Amino acid sequence: MQILETERLTLEEANMEDAGFFYTLLNTPTWLKYIGDRGIRSVADAEHYIQNSLIKSYRENGYGLYKMVLKSEGTPIGLCGLVNRETLSDPDIGFALLPKYEGKGYAYEAAFATLEFAKKQLQISTILAITSEQNAHSIRLIEKIGLVFYKKIRMKEGSEECLLYSN
């Protein structure tokens, strides 16, 4: 189901037919380095991730991470959306792209539209973002969509410090 449309993209709910795409995305070097290994070792693992993470969030929260699709080709290129984390007081915006589509403005386009959707449609007043201190691309994008650095946090005890942003 389509959730948002921008000039070049649609953001759509993920479904089980997307398992091959998510298997590829969640195993890209940038995903593994900056977001973390989700243990997706097969298409079946990706199906489990879609069902128990993405679809579960749509049902429980009314939002989640959405598949980014190029309108011109119908090709999935990444994901963008909102995540409800137990360790954060408000939803945070997340995004990731297949390496082939990085640096073309797609993540900004999707993240900006997601932020507007969260504020206007979902009536969420506070949106957060988290990123690694080493992820300069993510930091630039988070700041470009208008979020500002708030503080350093650890998502769980013993984990690496990350940067927390807020609107």
Protein backbone atom coordinates (compact mmCIF):
# COMPACT_ATOMS: atom_id res chain seq x y z
CA MET A 1 0.00 0.00 0.00
CA GLN A 2 1.34 3.42 -0.97
CA ILE A 3 1.79 5.82 1.95
CA LEU A 4 3.58 8.82 0.42
CA GLU A 5 4.52 10.18 -2.96
CA THR A 6 7.29 12.64 -3.79
CA GLU A 7 8.53 13.96 -7.09
CA ARG A 8 10.58 10.83 -7.85
CA LEU A 9 9.51 8.28 -5.24
CA THR A 10 6.68 6.43 -3.63
CA LEU A 11 6.95 5.14 -0.08
CA GLU A 12 5.02 1.92 0.33
CA GLU A 13 4.35 -0.61 3.04
CA ALA A 14 6.60 -3.63 2.72
CA ASN A 15 5.07 -7.02 2.00
CA MET A 16 6.31 -10.59 1.83
CA GLU A 17 7.08 -10.28 -1.90
CA ASP A 18 9.80 -7.77 -0.96
CA ALA A 19 11.90 -10.37 0.87
CA GLY A 20 14.61 -10.55 -1.84
CA PHE A 21 15.00 -6.78 -1.84
CA PHE A 22 15.22 -6.59 1.97
CA TYR A 23 17.69 -9.48 2.04
CA THR A 24 19.95 -7.43 -0.25
CA LEU A 25 19.42 -4.08 1.54
CA LEU A 26 20.02 -5.41 5.06
CA ASN A 27 23.29 -7.00 3.96
CA THR A 28 24.85 -3.97 2.26
CA PRO A 29 28.14 -2.81 3.78
CA THR A 30 26.68 0.55 4.90
CA TRP A 31 23.68 -1.12 6.58
CA LEU A 32 25.92 -3.56 8.42
CA LYS A 33 28.39 -0.83 9.44
CA TYR A 34 26.01 1.91 10.54
CA ILE A 35 22.71 0.23 11.37
CA GLY A 36 23.82 -3.22 12.43
CA ASP A 37 23.61 -6.87 11.55
CA ARG A 38 20.01 -8.06 11.77
CA GLY A 39 20.99 -11.67 11.15
CA ILE A 40 19.35 -11.80 7.72
CA ARG A 41 21.16 -14.73 6.11
CA SER A 42 18.44 -15.89 3.70
CA VAL A 43 15.31 -14.74 1.94
CA ALA A 44 13.35 -16.67 4.61
CA ASP A 45 15.09 -14.57 7.29
CA ALA A 46 14.09 -11.45 5.35
CA GLU A 47 10.46 -12.65 5.29
CA HIS A 48 10.61 -13.08 9.06
CA TYR A 49 12.05 -9.54 9.41
CA ILE A 50 9.29 -8.07 7.23
CA GLN A 51 6.56 -9.84 9.19
CA ASN A 52 7.90 -9.34 12.71
CA SER A 53 9.41 -5.87 12.36
CA LEU A 54 7.92 -3.88 9.48
CA ILE A 55 4.37 -5.24 9.23
CA LYS A 56 4.13 -5.52 13.01
CA SER A 57 4.98 -1.80 13.32
CA TYR A 58 2.34 -0.81 10.74
CA ARG A 59 -0.29 -2.71 12.75
CA GLU A 60 0.80 -1.65 16.24
CA ASN A 61 1.91 1.94 15.64
CA GLY A 62 0.11 3.01 12.49
CA TYR A 63 3.48 3.71 10.84
CA GLY A 64 6.87 2.14 10.28
CA LEU A 65 9.71 1.85 7.82
CA TYR A 66 8.50 2.02 4.23
CA LYS A 67 10.00 0.73 1.02
CA MET A 68 11.31 3.55 -1.18
CA VAL A 69 10.40 2.94 -4.83
CA LEU A 70 11.53 4.87 -7.91
CA LYS A 71 8.37 6.03 -9.66
CA SER A 72 10.01 5.99 -13.09
CA GLU A 73 10.97 2.30 -12.92
CA GLY A 74 8.98 0.77 -10.08
CA THR A 75 12.33 -0.29 -8.57
CA PRO A 76 12.76 -0.53 -4.79
CA ILE A 77 15.89 1.41 -3.80
CA GLY A 78 15.78 1.73 -0.01
CA LEU A 79 13.63 2.38 2.99
CA CYS A 80 12.55 5.37 5.02
CA GLY A 81 10.09 5.86 7.82
CA LEU A 82 9.51 6.01 11.54
CA VAL A 83 10.60 3.58 14.23
CA ASN A 84 9.15 3.24 17.72
CA ARG A 85 11.97 2.15 20.03
CA GLU A 86 11.55 1.17 23.67
CA THR A 87 14.68 3.17 24.52
CA LEU A 88 13.45 6.46 23.02
CA SER A 89 10.61 8.70 24.19
CA ASP A 90 9.41 9.54 20.67
CA PRO A 91 9.58 7.94 17.21
CA ASP A 92 12.79 8.31 15.25
CA ILE A 93 13.22 8.67 11.53
CA GLY A 94 15.31 6.09 9.74
CA PHE A 95 16.52 5.68 6.18
CA ALA A 96 18.80 3.46 4.11
CA LEU A 97 19.55 3.05 0.41
CA LEU A 98 21.11 0.47 -1.81
CA PRO A 99 24.65 1.77 -2.59
CA LYS A 100 23.82 2.29 -6.28
CA TYR A 101 21.27 4.99 -5.35
CA GLU A 102 23.25 6.89 -2.72
CA GLY A 103 24.23 10.51 -3.35
CA LYS A 104 21.32 11.28 -5.69
CA GLY A 105 19.04 13.08 -3.20
CA TYR A 106 16.60 10.20 -2.78
CA ALA A 107 17.14 9.80 0.97
CA TYR A 108 16.61 13.53 1.52
CA GLU A 109 13.47 13.52 -0.62
CA ALA A 110 12.02 10.56 1.30
CA ALA A 111 13.12 11.77 4.76
CA PHE A 112 11.74 15.27 4.26
CA ALA A 113 8.40 13.87 3.06
CA THR A 114 8.33 11.42 5.98
CA LEU A 115 8.94 14.22 8.47
CA GLU A 116 6.10 16.29 6.98
CA PHE A 117 3.82 13.22 6.98
CA ALA A 118 4.63 12.54 10.64
CA LYS A 119 3.83 16.10 11.67
CA LYS A 120 0.76 16.76 9.52
CA GLN A 121 -0.92 13.37 9.00
CA LEU A 122 0.14 11.45 12.09
CA GLN A 123 0.14 14.50 14.38
CA ILE A 124 3.49 13.52 15.93
CA SER A 125 5.04 16.65 17.34
CA THR A 126 8.49 15.34 18.28
CA ILE A 127 10.58 13.36 15.83
CA LEU A 128 13.99 12.04 16.78
CA ALA A 129 16.89 10.63 14.78
CA ILE A 130 19.87 8.57 15.87
CA THR A 131 23.11 7.95 14.05
CA SER A 132 26.68 6.93 14.57
CA GLU A 133 29.20 9.71 15.07
CA GLN A 134 31.14 8.25 12.13
CA ASN A 135 28.19 8.39 9.70
CA ALA A 136 28.81 11.81 8.14
CA HIS A 137 26.25 11.28 5.34
CA SER A 138 23.50 10.50 7.82
CA ILE A 139 24.41 13.45 10.03
CA ARG A 140 24.25 15.84 7.06
CA LEU A 141 20.86 14.49 5.99
CA ILE A 142 19.40 14.62 9.50
CA GLU A 143 20.50 18.24 9.83
CA LYS A 144 19.29 19.09 6.31
CA ILE A 145 15.74 17.99 7.17
CA GLY A 146 15.81 20.33 10.16
CA LEU A 147 16.67 18.16 13.14
CA VAL A 148 19.26 19.43 15.60
CA PHE A 149 21.78 17.62 17.77
CA TYR A 150 20.42 17.04 21.27
CA LYS A 151 22.86 14.74 23.08
CA LYS A 152 24.92 11.57 22.93
CA ILE A 153 23.21 8.40 24.12
CA ARG A 154 23.69 4.64 24.32
CA MET A 155 20.78 2.63 22.96
CA LYS A 156 21.60 -0.16 25.39
CA GLU A 157 24.15 -0.70 28.12
CA GLY A 158 27.59 -1.37 26.72
CA SER A 159 26.69 -0.27 23.18
CA GLU A 160 28.53 2.36 21.19
CA GLU A 161 27.51 5.97 21.84
CA CYS A 162 25.34 7.48 19.15
CA LEU A 163 24.10 10.96 18.39
CA LEU A 164 20.49 11.85 19.19
CA TYR A 165 18.76 14.56 17.17
CA SER A 166 15.34 16.14 17.63
CA ASN A 167 13.12 18.67 15.89
